[in-house]
Amino acid sequence: MKYVGKNIRRLRQKQGWSQSEVASKLNISVPAFSKIETGITDINISRLNQIAELFGTTTSSILIEEGSPQGDQTKMKELNELYDRLRARD
């Protein structure tokens, strides 16, 4: 899950936001957000959706490991199916 945190950090830095600003927007503490970015804390699908919405992206794009082929439709389909299953359980 560390790459998920790295993707979130990359999105935050791209926006020019501090950890404190993002934590405030997510209504969580700065240490809690820091743990998400460093991969210490696993995030649930609800929080992942909230983060994706905040950054104007998809949950799938956050879940894809940086450097993996973005055009791999099979991988995207599998991620979307996993997302749907997790969402049904959440």
Protein backbone atom coordinates (compact mmCIF):
# COMPACT_ATOMS: atom_id res chain seq x y z
CA MET A 1 0.00 0.00 0.00
CA LYS A 2 3.01 2.30 0.11
CA TYR A 3 2.57 3.17 -3.56
CA VAL A 4 -1.01 4.30 -2.80
CA GLY A 5 0.40 6.74 -0.27
CA LYS A 6 3.04 7.86 -2.76
CA ASN A 7 0.32 8.50 -5.35
CA ILE A 8 -1.64 10.54 -2.81
CA ARG A 9 1.49 12.51 -1.89
CA ARG A 10 2.17 13.18 -5.58
CA LEU A 11 -1.40 14.45 -6.08
CA ARG A 12 -1.13 16.68 -2.99
CA GLN A 13 2.17 18.15 -4.11
CA LYS A 14 0.83 18.71 -7.62
CA GLN A 15 -1.93 20.84 -6.07
CA GLY A 16 0.61 22.69 -3.94
CA TRP A 17 -1.23 21.76 -0.75
CA SER A 18 0.37 21.01 2.60
CA GLN A 19 -0.47 17.91 4.60
CA SER A 20 -2.28 20.19 7.02
CA GLU A 21 -4.50 21.63 4.27
CA VAL A 22 -5.45 18.19 2.96
CA ALA A 23 -6.05 16.81 6.46
CA SER A 24 -8.36 19.74 7.14
CA LYS A 25 -10.29 19.14 3.90
CA LEU A 26 -10.67 15.45 4.85
CA ASN A 27 -11.61 16.30 8.46
CA ILE A 28 -8.79 14.18 9.89
CA SER A 29 -5.70 15.01 11.89
CA VAL A 30 -2.37 15.78 10.24
CA PRO A 31 -0.73 12.68 11.81
CA ALA A 32 -3.57 10.51 10.46
CA PHE A 33 -3.08 11.92 6.95
CA SER A 34 0.68 11.55 7.24
CA LYS A 35 0.22 7.87 8.06
CA ILE A 36 -1.91 7.45 4.93
CA GLU A 37 0.79 9.06 2.78
CA THR A 38 3.55 6.93 4.27
CA GLY A 39 1.55 3.72 3.94
CA ILE A 40 1.47 3.07 7.68
CA THR A 41 -2.33 3.21 7.73
CA ASP A 42 -4.45 1.29 5.25
CA ILE A 43 -7.39 3.32 4.05
CA ASN A 44 -10.90 2.05 3.55
CA ILE A 45 -12.84 2.51 0.35
CA SER A 46 -14.86 5.42 1.75
CA ARG A 47 -11.71 7.36 2.58
CA LEU A 48 -10.19 6.44 -0.78
CA ASN A 49 -13.29 7.79 -2.54
CA GLN A 50 -13.09 10.98 -0.49
CA ILE A 51 -9.43 11.48 -1.41
CA ALA A 52 -10.06 10.78 -5.09
CA GLU A 53 -12.91 13.28 -5.14
CA LEU A 54 -10.80 15.90 -3.38
CA PHE A 55 -8.08 15.61 -6.03
CA GLY A 56 -10.50 15.27 -8.93
CA THR A 57 -9.30 11.83 -9.93
CA THR A 58 -10.47 8.23 -9.81
CA THR A 59 -9.83 5.66 -7.13
CA SER A 60 -8.32 3.41 -9.78
CA SER A 61 -5.67 5.98 -10.62
CA ILE A 62 -4.68 6.15 -6.95
CA LEU A 63 -4.52 2.36 -6.71
CA ILE A 64 -2.27 1.87 -9.75
CA GLU A 65 1.39 1.59 -8.88
CA GLU A 66 3.44 4.39 -10.40
CA GLY A 67 5.41 3.16 -13.37
CA SER A 68 2.90 0.46 -14.25
CA PRO A 69 1.48 0.57 -17.77
CA GLN A 70 -1.42 3.01 -17.64
CA GLY A 71 -2.88 1.62 -20.86
CA ASP A 72 -3.32 -1.90 -19.52
CA GLN A 73 -7.08 -2.29 -19.86
CA THR A 74 -7.10 -5.69 -18.16
CA LYS A 75 -5.50 -4.26 -15.04
CA MET A 76 -7.96 -1.36 -15.00
CA LYS A 77 -10.89 -3.75 -15.40
CA GLU A 78 -9.63 -5.88 -12.51
CA LEU A 79 -9.15 -2.81 -10.32
CA ASN A 80 -12.65 -1.57 -11.11
CA GLU A 81 -14.12 -4.99 -10.29
CA LEU A 82 -12.18 -5.06 -7.01
CA TYR A 83 -13.40 -1.56 -6.24
CA ASP A 84 -17.01 -2.60 -6.88
CA ARG A 85 -16.67 -5.63 -4.61
CA LEU A 86 -15.09 -3.54 -1.83
CA ARG A 87 -17.76 -0.91 -2.19
CA ALA A 88 -20.49 -3.53 -1.85
CA ARG A 89 -18.88 -4.75 1.39
CA ASP A 90 -18.25 -1.28 2.87
